[in-house]
């Protein structure tokens, strides 16, 4: 329609998702027993292990590809804190690459493909401007406590269906490695207030709520 790269103000990553902002317990360059972290089931050949390094690299690539050097980046941190008692204090054992990554990763989802009302999640960094190089702001795009979808089919006049990924008893599909969904039970329709989720997000907030 005639738009150019100069009409693009910026991009946002991790929208309504759970990927950890910074992963301090391992890096993409680590290896265990001759196997790179990229070979672990969790990282699954990706080149970045956390959202901040991905967003910064994405922005650099955009500029290289011709976008304006001032193109902005936002990161949704509303549900990627992963704090509380389940937050690892250090890397996993060097037994093998999967033990190493799984023992140390902040993101405690069963599989990185799980997206609905994830159990154990916490509020992430509070919204703030210019928090890191190349990042315009951390923002809360997905309102904490807003349900991603119902845990079971709920008749409604809003045209909202039922996704098995929101069912805590669902055993998965190839897209999530045939893993359990990791979803919280008793969730209401998408967009509705989910008190139990909000309370868990506060409990597991990182940085912790003061």
N, C-alpha and C. Protein backbone atom coordinates (compact mmCIF):
# COMPACT_ATOMS: atom_id res chain seq x y z
N UNK A 1 0.83 -1.22 0.00
CA UNK A 1 0.00 0.00 0.00
C UNK A 1 0.86 1.26 0.00
N UNK A 2 2.11 1.14 -0.37
CA UNK A 2 2.96 2.32 -0.46
C UNK A 2 3.80 2.60 0.77
N UNK A 3 3.63 1.83 1.84
CA UNK A 3 4.42 2.04 3.05
C UNK A 3 5.86 1.59 2.83
N UNK A 4 6.77 2.21 3.56
CA UNK A 4 8.18 1.83 3.49
C UNK A 4 8.68 1.53 4.90
N UNK A 5 9.91 1.08 5.00
CA UNK A 5 10.48 0.78 6.32
C UNK A 5 10.52 2.02 7.20
N UNK A 6 10.57 3.20 6.60
CA UNK A 6 10.62 4.44 7.39
C UNK A 6 9.28 4.76 8.05
N UNK A 7 8.22 4.05 7.65
CA UNK A 7 6.91 4.24 8.28
C UNK A 7 6.74 3.35 9.51
N UNK A 8 7.69 2.48 9.75
CA UNK A 8 7.61 1.56 10.89
C UNK A 8 8.29 2.19 12.10
N UNK A 9 7.53 2.37 13.16
CA UNK A 9 8.10 2.97 14.38
C UNK A 9 8.86 1.95 15.21
N UNK A 10 8.42 0.68 15.17
CA UNK A 10 9.13 -0.31 15.96
C UNK A 10 8.40 -1.63 16.04
N UNK A 11 8.91 -2.50 16.89
CA UNK A 11 8.39 -3.85 17.06
C UNK A 11 8.29 -4.19 18.55
N UNK A 12 7.47 -5.18 18.85
CA UNK A 12 7.37 -5.68 20.22
C UNK A 12 7.57 -7.18 20.22
N UNK A 13 8.28 -7.68 21.22
CA UNK A 13 8.50 -9.12 21.35
C UNK A 13 7.86 -9.63 22.63
N UNK A 14 7.63 -10.94 22.65
CA UNK A 14 7.10 -11.64 23.83
C UNK A 14 5.68 -11.23 24.19
N UNK A 15 4.92 -10.71 23.24
CA UNK A 15 3.57 -10.25 23.54
C UNK A 15 2.70 -11.38 24.09
N UNK A 16 2.16 -11.18 25.28
CA UNK A 16 1.29 -12.14 25.96
C UNK A 16 2.00 -13.48 26.19
N UNK A 17 3.34 -13.47 26.19
CA UNK A 17 4.06 -14.72 26.35
C UNK A 17 4.87 -14.74 27.64
N UNK A 18 5.67 -15.77 27.79
CA UNK A 18 6.28 -16.06 29.09
C UNK A 18 7.80 -16.18 29.06
N UNK A 19 8.44 -15.98 27.93
CA UNK A 19 9.88 -16.19 27.83
C UNK A 19 10.65 -15.28 28.78
N UNK A 20 11.61 -15.85 29.49
CA UNK A 20 12.39 -15.09 30.48
C UNK A 20 13.13 -13.93 29.83
N UNK A 21 13.17 -12.81 30.52
CA UNK A 21 13.82 -11.61 29.98
C UNK A 21 15.34 -11.81 29.88
N UNK A 22 15.96 -12.24 30.97
CA UNK A 22 17.40 -12.47 30.99
C UNK A 22 17.66 -13.83 31.60
N UNK A 23 18.46 -14.63 30.94
CA UNK A 23 18.83 -15.95 31.45
C UNK A 23 20.28 -15.89 31.90
N UNK A 24 20.47 -15.92 33.22
CA UNK A 24 21.82 -15.76 33.77
C UNK A 24 22.54 -17.07 34.07
N UNK A 25 21.84 -18.19 34.03
CA UNK A 25 22.43 -19.46 34.45
C UNK A 25 23.10 -20.25 33.33
N UNK A 26 22.88 -19.85 32.08
CA UNK A 26 23.59 -20.46 30.97
C UNK A 26 23.54 -19.52 29.78
N UNK A 27 24.45 -19.73 28.83
CA UNK A 27 24.47 -18.91 27.63
C UNK A 27 24.40 -19.81 26.40
N UNK A 28 24.16 -19.21 25.27
CA UNK A 28 24.06 -19.96 24.02
C UNK A 28 25.41 -20.58 23.64
N UNK A 29 26.49 -20.08 24.23
CA UNK A 29 27.82 -20.57 23.90
C UNK A 29 28.28 -21.71 24.80
N UNK A 30 27.50 -22.07 25.80
CA UNK A 30 27.88 -23.15 26.71
C UNK A 30 27.74 -24.51 26.04
N UNK A 31 28.52 -25.47 26.52
CA UNK A 31 28.39 -26.84 26.04
C UNK A 31 28.63 -27.79 27.20
N UNK A 32 28.01 -28.94 27.15
CA UNK A 32 28.14 -29.97 28.17
C UNK A 32 28.38 -31.31 27.48
N UNK A 33 29.45 -31.97 27.85
CA UNK A 33 29.75 -33.26 27.24
C UNK A 33 29.88 -33.20 25.74
N UNK A 34 30.40 -32.09 25.24
CA UNK A 34 30.57 -31.95 23.80
C UNK A 34 29.33 -31.52 23.05
N UNK A 35 28.22 -31.29 23.78
CA UNK A 35 26.98 -30.86 23.13
C UNK A 35 26.66 -29.41 23.49
N UNK A 36 26.34 -28.63 22.47
CA UNK A 36 25.99 -27.24 22.66
C UNK A 36 24.63 -27.10 23.34
N UNK A 37 24.47 -26.00 24.07
CA UNK A 37 23.17 -25.68 24.67
C UNK A 37 22.08 -25.66 23.60
N UNK A 38 22.46 -25.31 22.37
CA UNK A 38 21.47 -25.28 21.28
C UNK A 38 20.87 -26.65 21.02
N UNK A 39 21.59 -27.71 21.39
CA UNK A 39 21.10 -29.07 21.17
C UNK A 39 20.16 -29.56 22.26
N UNK A 40 20.00 -28.79 23.32
CA UNK A 40 19.09 -29.19 24.38
C UNK A 40 17.65 -29.15 23.88
N UNK A 41 16.80 -29.97 24.49
CA UNK A 41 15.39 -30.01 24.09
C UNK A 41 14.73 -28.65 24.31
N UNK A 42 15.13 -27.94 25.36
CA UNK A 42 14.50 -26.66 25.68
C UNK A 42 14.87 -25.59 24.66
N UNK A 43 16.15 -25.41 24.38
CA UNK A 43 16.59 -24.37 23.45
C UNK A 43 16.24 -24.75 22.01
N UNK A 44 16.33 -26.04 21.70
CA UNK A 44 15.84 -26.57 20.42
C UNK A 44 16.42 -25.84 19.21
N UNK A 45 17.74 -25.64 19.20
CA UNK A 45 18.47 -25.07 18.09
C UNK A 45 18.27 -23.57 17.90
N UNK A 46 17.55 -22.92 18.80
CA UNK A 46 17.45 -21.46 18.72
C UNK A 46 18.82 -20.84 18.98
N UNK A 47 18.99 -19.61 18.56
CA UNK A 47 20.27 -18.93 18.73
C UNK A 47 20.27 -17.95 19.91
N UNK A 48 19.16 -17.90 20.62
CA UNK A 48 19.06 -17.00 21.77
C UNK A 48 18.37 -17.74 22.90
N UNK A 49 18.80 -17.47 24.12
CA UNK A 49 18.24 -18.18 25.27
C UNK A 49 17.32 -17.30 26.11
N UNK A 50 17.23 -16.01 25.78
CA UNK A 50 16.31 -15.14 26.53
C UNK A 50 15.78 -14.04 25.61
N UNK A 51 14.77 -13.35 26.11
CA UNK A 51 14.06 -12.39 25.27
C UNK A 51 14.86 -11.12 25.00
N UNK A 52 15.64 -10.67 25.98
CA UNK A 52 16.39 -9.44 25.79
C UNK A 52 17.44 -9.59 24.70
N UNK A 53 18.22 -10.66 24.74
CA UNK A 53 19.26 -10.84 23.72
C UNK A 53 18.63 -11.02 22.34
N UNK A 54 17.48 -11.69 22.28
CA UNK A 54 16.78 -11.85 20.99
C UNK A 54 16.31 -10.50 20.46
N UNK A 55 15.66 -9.70 21.32
CA UNK A 55 15.12 -8.41 20.87
C UNK A 55 16.23 -7.48 20.41
N UNK A 56 17.35 -7.48 21.11
CA UNK A 56 18.46 -6.62 20.72
C UNK A 56 19.06 -7.07 19.38
N UNK A 57 19.21 -8.38 19.20
CA UNK A 57 19.75 -8.90 17.94
C UNK A 57 18.77 -8.66 16.80
N UNK A 58 17.48 -8.81 17.08
CA UNK A 58 16.44 -8.57 16.08
C UNK A 58 16.52 -7.13 15.60
N UNK A 59 16.66 -6.19 16.53
CA UNK A 59 16.74 -4.78 16.17
C UNK A 59 17.98 -4.51 15.31
N UNK A 60 19.11 -5.06 15.69
CA UNK A 60 20.33 -4.86 14.91
C UNK A 60 20.17 -5.39 13.49
N UNK A 61 19.51 -6.53 13.37
CA UNK A 61 19.30 -7.11 12.04
C UNK A 61 18.35 -6.25 11.21
N UNK A 62 17.35 -5.67 11.87
CA UNK A 62 16.42 -4.78 11.16
C UNK A 62 17.15 -3.59 10.56
N UNK A 63 18.04 -2.98 11.37
CA UNK A 63 18.80 -1.82 10.89
C UNK A 63 19.70 -2.23 9.73
N UNK A 64 20.35 -3.39 9.87
CA UNK A 64 21.20 -3.90 8.79
C UNK A 64 20.41 -4.11 7.50
N UNK A 65 19.14 -4.51 7.66
CA UNK A 65 18.28 -4.79 6.50
C UNK A 65 17.67 -3.53 5.89
N UNK A 66 17.93 -2.36 6.53
CA UNK A 66 17.46 -1.13 5.93
C UNK A 66 16.45 -0.33 6.73
N UNK A 67 16.06 -0.82 7.90
CA UNK A 67 15.16 -0.04 8.74
C UNK A 67 15.90 1.15 9.34
N UNK A 68 15.14 2.17 9.74
CA UNK A 68 15.72 3.37 10.33
C UNK A 68 16.54 3.01 11.56
N UNK A 69 17.67 3.67 11.74
CA UNK A 69 18.55 3.36 12.87
C UNK A 69 17.91 3.65 14.21
N UNK A 70 16.81 4.41 14.20
CA UNK A 70 16.11 4.71 15.44
C UNK A 70 14.90 3.81 15.69
N UNK A 71 14.76 2.73 14.91
CA UNK A 71 13.60 1.85 15.07
C UNK A 71 13.53 1.35 16.51
N UNK A 72 12.33 1.37 17.07
CA UNK A 72 12.18 1.06 18.49
C UNK A 72 11.85 -0.40 18.76
N UNK A 73 12.13 -0.83 20.00
CA UNK A 73 11.79 -2.18 20.44
C UNK A 73 11.14 -2.12 21.81
N UNK A 74 10.05 -2.87 21.95
CA UNK A 74 9.39 -3.05 23.24
C UNK A 74 9.42 -4.53 23.58
N UNK A 75 9.44 -4.85 24.88
CA UNK A 75 9.35 -6.24 25.33
C UNK A 75 8.23 -6.32 26.36
N UNK A 76 7.29 -7.25 26.14
CA UNK A 76 6.20 -7.47 27.09
C UNK A 76 6.74 -8.31 28.25
N UNK A 77 6.76 -7.71 29.44
CA UNK A 77 7.30 -8.40 30.62
C UNK A 77 6.21 -8.67 31.67
N UNK A 78 4.96 -8.68 31.23
CA UNK A 78 3.87 -8.79 32.21
C UNK A 78 3.81 -10.14 32.90
N UNK A 79 4.35 -11.21 32.24
CA UNK A 79 4.20 -12.53 32.85
C UNK A 79 5.47 -13.38 32.71
N UNK A 80 6.62 -12.75 32.62
CA UNK A 80 7.84 -13.53 32.40
C UNK A 80 8.84 -13.41 33.54
N UNK A 81 8.34 -13.13 34.76
CA UNK A 81 9.25 -12.97 35.90
C UNK A 81 9.82 -14.29 36.41
N UNK A 82 8.96 -15.31 36.48
CA UNK A 82 9.40 -16.63 36.95
C UNK A 82 10.23 -16.54 38.23
N UNK A 83 9.62 -15.98 39.26
CA UNK A 83 10.31 -15.86 40.54
C UNK A 83 9.84 -16.90 41.53
N UNK A 84 9.77 -16.51 42.79
CA UNK A 84 9.31 -17.42 43.84
C UNK A 84 10.29 -18.55 44.12
N UNK A 85 9.81 -19.54 44.82
CA UNK A 85 10.67 -20.64 45.27
C UNK A 85 11.15 -21.54 44.14
N UNK A 86 10.49 -21.49 42.98
CA UNK A 86 10.89 -22.36 41.87
C UNK A 86 12.01 -21.75 41.02
N UNK A 87 12.40 -20.51 41.30
CA UNK A 87 13.44 -19.85 40.49
C UNK A 87 14.81 -20.43 40.84
N UNK A 88 15.50 -21.04 39.89
CA UNK A 88 16.81 -21.63 40.16
C UNK A 88 17.83 -20.56 40.56
N UNK A 89 18.69 -20.92 41.49
CA UNK A 89 19.72 -19.99 41.95
C UNK A 89 21.01 -20.12 41.15
N UNK A 90 21.10 -21.17 40.33
CA UNK A 90 22.30 -21.39 39.55
C UNK A 90 22.04 -22.42 38.47
N UNK A 91 23.07 -22.73 37.69
CA UNK A 91 22.89 -23.69 36.59
C UNK A 91 22.64 -25.10 37.08
N UNK A 92 22.11 -25.93 36.20
CA UNK A 92 21.87 -27.32 36.53
C UNK A 92 23.17 -28.13 36.51
N UNK A 93 23.07 -29.37 36.92
CA UNK A 93 24.23 -30.25 36.95
C UNK A 93 24.78 -30.48 35.55
N UNK A 94 26.09 -30.73 35.48
CA UNK A 94 26.76 -30.92 34.19
C UNK A 94 26.64 -32.36 33.70
N UNK A 95 25.65 -33.08 34.15
CA UNK A 95 25.45 -34.48 33.77
C UNK A 95 25.32 -34.62 32.25
N UNK A 96 24.43 -33.84 31.69
CA UNK A 96 24.26 -33.77 30.23
C UNK A 96 23.63 -32.42 29.93
N UNK A 97 23.53 -32.08 28.66
CA UNK A 97 23.11 -30.73 28.29
C UNK A 97 21.67 -30.44 28.71
N UNK A 98 20.78 -31.44 28.67
CA UNK A 98 19.39 -31.21 29.08
C UNK A 98 19.28 -30.98 30.59
N UNK A 99 20.02 -31.74 31.37
CA UNK A 99 20.02 -31.56 32.82
C UNK A 99 20.56 -30.18 33.18
N UNK A 100 21.60 -29.77 32.48
CA UNK A 100 22.22 -28.47 32.70
C UNK A 100 21.24 -27.33 32.42
N UNK A 101 20.59 -27.38 31.27
CA UNK A 101 19.66 -26.32 30.88
C UNK A 101 18.39 -26.35 31.73
N UNK A 102 17.79 -27.52 31.88
CA UNK A 102 16.53 -27.60 32.63
C UNK A 102 16.71 -27.26 34.10
N UNK A 103 17.86 -27.56 34.65
CA UNK A 103 18.10 -27.25 36.06
C UNK A 103 18.32 -25.78 36.32
N UNK A 104 18.74 -25.04 35.31
CA UNK A 104 19.07 -23.64 35.52
C UNK A 104 18.12 -22.64 34.92
N UNK A 105 17.30 -23.05 33.97
CA UNK A 105 16.46 -22.08 33.26
C UNK A 105 15.40 -21.47 34.19
N UNK A 106 15.21 -20.15 34.05
CA UNK A 106 14.22 -19.45 34.86
C UNK A 106 12.80 -19.80 34.43
N UNK A 107 12.60 -19.87 33.12
CA UNK A 107 11.28 -20.19 32.55
C UNK A 107 10.96 -21.64 32.90
N UNK A 108 9.95 -21.85 33.74
CA UNK A 108 9.65 -23.20 34.24
C UNK A 108 8.52 -23.87 33.49
N UNK A 109 8.18 -23.38 32.32
CA UNK A 109 7.16 -24.07 31.54
C UNK A 109 7.63 -25.49 31.20
N UNK A 110 6.69 -26.39 31.03
CA UNK A 110 7.03 -27.76 30.67
C UNK A 110 7.65 -27.80 29.29
N UNK A 111 7.15 -26.96 28.39
CA UNK A 111 7.68 -26.87 27.03
C UNK A 111 7.53 -25.43 26.57
N UNK A 112 8.50 -24.95 25.81
CA UNK A 112 8.49 -23.56 25.37
C UNK A 112 7.29 -23.25 24.48
N UNK A 113 6.65 -24.28 23.91
CA UNK A 113 5.46 -24.07 23.09
C UNK A 113 4.18 -23.88 23.88
N UNK A 114 4.22 -24.07 25.18
CA UNK A 114 3.02 -23.89 26.01
C UNK A 114 2.77 -22.39 26.22
N UNK A 115 1.50 -21.98 26.07
CA UNK A 115 1.20 -20.55 26.06
C UNK A 115 -0.01 -20.15 26.88
N UNK A 116 -0.81 -21.11 27.32
CA UNK A 116 -2.08 -20.74 27.94
C UNK A 116 -2.05 -20.80 29.47
N UNK A 117 -2.29 -19.67 30.13
CA UNK A 117 -2.44 -19.60 31.59
C UNK A 117 -1.41 -20.47 32.31
N UNK A 118 -0.14 -20.22 32.05
CA UNK A 118 0.91 -21.11 32.53
C UNK A 118 1.09 -21.11 34.05
N UNK A 119 1.11 -22.31 34.60
CA UNK A 119 1.30 -22.49 36.03
C UNK A 119 2.73 -22.13 36.42
N UNK A 120 2.89 -21.38 37.50
CA UNK A 120 4.20 -21.02 38.02
C UNK A 120 4.73 -19.69 37.54
N UNK A 121 4.03 -19.04 36.60
CA UNK A 121 4.52 -17.77 36.05
C UNK A 121 4.41 -16.65 37.09
N UNK A 122 5.18 -15.60 36.86
CA UNK A 122 5.16 -14.45 37.76
C UNK A 122 5.24 -13.14 37.00
N UNK A 123 4.84 -12.07 37.64
CA UNK A 123 5.01 -10.74 37.04
C UNK A 123 6.48 -10.52 36.76
N UNK A 124 6.78 -9.88 35.64
CA UNK A 124 8.17 -9.60 35.30
C UNK A 124 8.57 -8.18 35.65
N UNK A 125 9.58 -7.69 34.97
CA UNK A 125 10.05 -6.33 35.22
C UNK A 125 8.90 -5.34 35.09
N UNK A 126 8.88 -4.35 35.98
CA UNK A 126 7.84 -3.34 35.91
C UNK A 126 8.05 -2.49 34.66
N UNK A 127 6.97 -1.95 34.10
CA UNK A 127 7.11 -1.09 32.93
C UNK A 127 8.09 0.05 33.20
N UNK A 128 9.01 0.26 32.26
CA UNK A 128 10.00 1.32 32.41
C UNK A 128 10.57 1.69 31.05
N UNK A 129 10.98 2.93 30.92
CA UNK A 129 11.53 3.43 29.67
C UNK A 129 13.04 3.22 29.61
N UNK A 130 13.54 2.96 28.41
CA UNK A 130 14.97 2.83 28.14
C UNK A 130 15.69 1.93 29.15
N UNK A 131 15.22 0.68 29.34
CA UNK A 131 15.81 -0.18 30.36
C UNK A 131 17.11 -0.85 29.95
N UNK A 132 17.36 -0.94 28.63
CA UNK A 132 18.55 -1.62 28.14
C UNK A 132 18.89 -1.10 26.75
N UNK A 133 20.10 -1.36 26.30
CA UNK A 133 20.54 -0.87 25.00
C UNK A 133 19.60 -1.32 23.89
N UNK A 134 19.12 -0.38 23.10
CA UNK A 134 18.26 -0.69 21.97
C UNK A 134 16.81 -0.98 22.30
N UNK A 135 16.46 -0.94 23.58
CA UNK A 135 15.09 -1.24 24.01
C UNK A 135 14.42 0.05 24.49
N UNK A 136 13.32 0.41 23.85
CA UNK A 136 12.61 1.64 24.23
C UNK A 136 11.94 1.50 25.59
N UNK A 137 11.36 0.32 25.85
CA UNK A 137 10.65 0.15 27.12
C UNK A 137 10.30 -1.31 27.37
N UNK A 138 10.20 -1.65 28.64
CA UNK A 138 9.50 -2.86 29.06
C UNK A 138 8.05 -2.43 29.29
N UNK A 139 7.11 -3.18 28.78
CA UNK A 139 5.69 -2.82 28.87
C UNK A 139 4.86 -4.02 29.31
N UNK A 140 3.68 -3.77 29.82
CA UNK A 140 2.74 -4.84 30.18
C UNK A 140 1.60 -4.78 29.18
N UNK A 141 1.76 -5.46 28.05
CA UNK A 141 0.74 -5.47 27.02
C UNK A 141 -0.39 -6.43 27.40
N UNK A 142 -0.04 -7.62 27.84
CA UNK A 142 -1.05 -8.58 28.32
C UNK A 142 -1.37 -8.23 29.77
N UNK A 143 -2.59 -7.77 30.07
CA UNK A 143 -2.92 -7.41 31.45
C UNK A 143 -2.79 -8.62 32.38
N UNK A 144 -1.97 -8.55 33.40
CA UNK A 144 -1.86 -9.67 34.35
C UNK A 144 -3.22 -10.00 34.95
N UNK A 145 -3.56 -11.28 34.93
CA UNK A 145 -4.84 -11.71 35.47
C UNK A 145 -5.91 -11.87 34.42
N UNK A 146 -5.60 -11.53 33.17
CA UNK A 146 -6.56 -11.71 32.08
C UNK A 146 -6.37 -13.10 31.50
N UNK A 147 -7.40 -13.92 31.55
CA UNK A 147 -7.31 -15.31 31.10
C UNK A 147 -6.96 -15.42 29.62
N UNK A 148 -6.12 -16.42 29.31
CA UNK A 148 -5.80 -16.71 27.91
C UNK A 148 -6.89 -17.55 27.26
N UNK A 149 -7.66 -18.25 28.06
CA UNK A 149 -8.69 -19.13 27.54
C UNK A 149 -9.21 -20.04 28.63
N UNK A 150 -10.37 -20.61 28.42
CA UNK A 150 -11.00 -21.43 29.45
C UNK A 150 -10.40 -22.83 29.52
N UNK A 151 -10.40 -23.41 30.72
CA UNK A 151 -9.83 -24.75 30.95
C UNK A 151 -10.69 -25.85 30.36
N UNK A 152 -11.95 -25.55 30.13
CA UNK A 152 -12.88 -26.50 29.52
C UNK A 152 -13.88 -25.69 28.70
N UNK A 153 -14.63 -26.37 27.87
CA UNK A 153 -15.60 -25.67 27.03
C UNK A 153 -16.66 -24.99 27.88
N UNK A 154 -16.88 -23.71 27.64
CA UNK A 154 -17.88 -22.94 28.37
C UNK A 154 -18.83 -22.30 27.36
N UNK A 155 -20.11 -22.67 27.39
CA UNK A 155 -21.07 -22.05 26.47
C UNK A 155 -21.06 -20.53 26.65
N UNK A 156 -21.04 -19.79 25.54
CA UNK A 156 -21.02 -18.33 25.64
C UNK A 156 -21.58 -17.72 24.35
N UNK A 157 -21.93 -16.44 24.44
CA UNK A 157 -22.46 -15.74 23.27
C UNK A 157 -21.43 -14.76 22.71
N UNK A 158 -20.14 -15.01 23.04
CA UNK A 158 -19.06 -14.13 22.58
C UNK A 158 -18.27 -14.74 21.43
N UNK A 159 -18.70 -15.91 20.98
CA UNK A 159 -17.99 -16.56 19.88
C UNK A 159 -16.64 -17.14 20.25
N UNK A 160 -16.45 -17.40 21.54
CA UNK A 160 -15.17 -17.91 22.01
C UNK A 160 -15.19 -19.43 22.12
N UNK A 161 -14.26 -20.05 21.41
CA UNK A 161 -14.18 -21.50 21.42
C UNK A 161 -13.32 -22.03 22.55
N UNK A 162 -12.91 -23.28 22.43
CA UNK A 162 -12.12 -23.94 23.46
C UNK A 162 -10.86 -24.52 22.85
N UNK A 163 -9.71 -24.18 23.42
CA UNK A 163 -8.43 -24.68 22.94
C UNK A 163 -7.87 -25.65 23.98
N UNK A 164 -7.56 -26.87 23.54
CA UNK A 164 -7.08 -27.88 24.48
C UNK A 164 -5.79 -27.47 25.19
N UNK A 165 -5.03 -26.54 24.61
CA UNK A 165 -3.82 -26.08 25.29
C UNK A 165 -4.11 -25.34 26.59
N UNK A 166 -5.38 -25.00 26.80
CA UNK A 166 -5.79 -24.35 28.05
C UNK A 166 -6.33 -25.36 29.06
N UNK A 167 -6.35 -26.62 28.68
CA UNK A 167 -6.86 -27.70 29.52
C UNK A 167 -5.68 -28.33 30.27
N UNK A 168 -5.66 -28.25 31.60
CA UNK A 168 -4.52 -28.80 32.36
C UNK A 168 -4.36 -30.31 32.24
N UNK A 169 -5.37 -31.01 31.74
CA UNK A 169 -5.26 -32.46 31.58
C UNK A 169 -4.79 -32.85 30.18
N UNK A 170 -4.62 -31.88 29.30
CA UNK A 170 -4.23 -32.17 27.92
C UNK A 170 -2.79 -32.66 27.85
N UNK A 171 -2.57 -33.74 27.13
CA UNK A 171 -1.24 -34.35 27.06
C UNK A 171 -0.43 -33.90 25.86
N UNK A 172 -0.91 -32.91 25.14
CA UNK A 172 -0.11 -32.26 24.13
C UNK A 172 -0.21 -32.77 22.72
N UNK A 173 0.65 -32.19 21.86
CA UNK A 173 0.68 -32.51 20.43
C UNK A 173 2.12 -32.30 19.94
N UNK A 174 2.40 -32.61 18.69
CA UNK A 174 3.78 -32.45 18.20
C UNK A 174 4.35 -31.05 18.36
N UNK A 175 3.49 -30.03 18.34
CA UNK A 175 3.99 -28.65 18.44
C UNK A 175 4.52 -28.32 19.83
N UNK A 176 4.09 -29.04 20.84
CA UNK A 176 4.65 -28.80 22.17
C UNK A 176 5.34 -30.06 22.69
N UNK A 177 5.88 -30.83 21.76
CA UNK A 177 6.65 -32.01 22.13
C UNK A 177 5.83 -33.07 22.84
N UNK A 178 4.52 -33.10 22.56
CA UNK A 178 3.61 -34.04 23.23
C UNK A 178 3.77 -33.97 24.75
N UNK A 179 3.82 -32.72 25.23
CA UNK A 179 3.97 -32.47 26.67
C UNK A 179 2.64 -32.03 27.28
N UNK A 180 2.54 -32.12 28.59
CA UNK A 180 1.37 -31.58 29.27
C UNK A 180 1.29 -30.09 28.99
N UNK A 181 0.08 -29.54 29.03
CA UNK A 181 -0.12 -28.14 28.66
C UNK A 181 0.42 -27.16 29.69
N UNK A 182 0.52 -27.57 30.95
CA UNK A 182 1.01 -26.68 31.98
C UNK A 182 0.05 -25.57 32.35
N UNK A 183 -1.20 -25.67 31.88
CA UNK A 183 -2.19 -24.61 32.13
C UNK A 183 -2.80 -24.74 33.52
N UNK A 184 -3.17 -23.61 34.08
CA UNK A 184 -3.85 -23.59 35.38
C UNK A 184 -5.29 -24.09 35.22
N UNK A 185 -5.81 -24.75 36.25
CA UNK A 185 -7.20 -25.22 36.18
C UNK A 185 -8.20 -24.11 36.45
N UNK A 186 -9.45 -24.41 36.14
CA UNK A 186 -10.59 -23.53 36.48
C UNK A 186 -10.47 -22.12 35.88
N UNK A 187 -9.90 -22.05 34.69
CA UNK A 187 -9.76 -20.75 34.04
C UNK A 187 -11.06 -20.35 33.34
N UNK A 188 -11.38 -19.06 33.36
CA UNK A 188 -12.59 -18.57 32.67
C UNK A 188 -12.30 -18.32 31.19
N UNK A 189 -13.28 -17.83 30.47
CA UNK A 189 -13.13 -17.50 29.06
C UNK A 189 -12.00 -16.50 28.84
N UNK A 190 -11.42 -16.53 27.66
CA UNK A 190 -10.34 -15.60 27.35
C UNK A 190 -10.81 -14.16 27.53
N UNK A 191 -9.94 -13.37 28.12
CA UNK A 191 -10.26 -11.97 28.37
C UNK A 191 -10.95 -11.71 29.69
N UNK A 192 -11.43 -12.78 30.34
CA UNK A 192 -12.10 -12.60 31.63
C UNK A 192 -11.07 -12.55 32.77
N UNK A 193 -11.48 -12.00 33.90
CA UNK A 193 -10.61 -11.91 35.07
C UNK A 193 -10.39 -13.28 35.67
N UNK A 194 -9.14 -13.63 35.91
CA UNK A 194 -8.75 -14.94 36.43
C UNK A 194 -7.98 -14.70 37.73
N UNK A 195 -8.71 -14.64 38.83
CA UNK A 195 -8.13 -14.25 40.12
C UNK A 195 -6.99 -15.17 40.55
N UNK A 196 -7.16 -16.48 40.38
CA UNK A 196 -6.12 -17.42 40.82
C UNK A 196 -4.81 -17.18 40.06
N UNK A 197 -4.92 -16.87 38.77
CA UNK A 197 -3.73 -16.58 37.99
C UNK A 197 -3.05 -15.31 38.49
N UNK A 198 -3.85 -14.29 38.75
CA UNK A 198 -3.28 -13.02 39.20
C UNK A 198 -2.56 -13.19 40.53
N UNK A 199 -3.16 -13.96 41.43
CA UNK A 199 -2.52 -14.18 42.73
C UNK A 199 -1.19 -14.92 42.57
N UNK A 200 -1.14 -15.88 41.65
CA UNK A 200 0.10 -16.61 41.41
C UNK A 200 1.15 -15.70 40.78
N UNK A 201 0.74 -14.85 39.87
CA UNK A 201 1.67 -13.91 39.25
C UNK A 201 2.29 -12.99 40.30
N UNK A 202 1.52 -12.57 41.28
CA UNK A 202 2.07 -11.72 42.34
C UNK A 202 3.03 -12.51 43.23
N UNK A 203 2.64 -13.73 43.57
CA UNK A 203 3.49 -14.56 44.43
C UNK A 203 4.84 -14.84 43.79
N UNK A 204 4.84 -15.08 42.47
CA UNK A 204 6.06 -15.46 41.76
C UNK A 204 6.74 -14.29 41.06
N UNK A 205 6.37 -13.07 41.38
CA UNK A 205 6.93 -11.91 40.69
C UNK A 205 8.45 -11.85 40.84
N UNK A 206 9.12 -11.46 39.73
CA UNK A 206 10.54 -11.20 39.78
C UNK A 206 10.86 -10.06 38.83
N UNK A 207 11.40 -8.94 39.35
CA UNK A 207 11.72 -8.72 40.74
C UNK A 207 10.51 -8.86 41.66
N UNK A 208 10.74 -9.30 42.91
CA UNK A 208 9.62 -9.50 43.83
C UNK A 208 8.88 -8.19 44.08
N UNK A 209 7.60 -8.29 44.42
CA UNK A 209 6.83 -7.11 44.79
C UNK A 209 7.28 -6.66 46.18
N UNK A 210 7.44 -5.37 46.36
CA UNK A 210 7.90 -4.86 47.65
C UNK A 210 6.70 -4.47 48.51
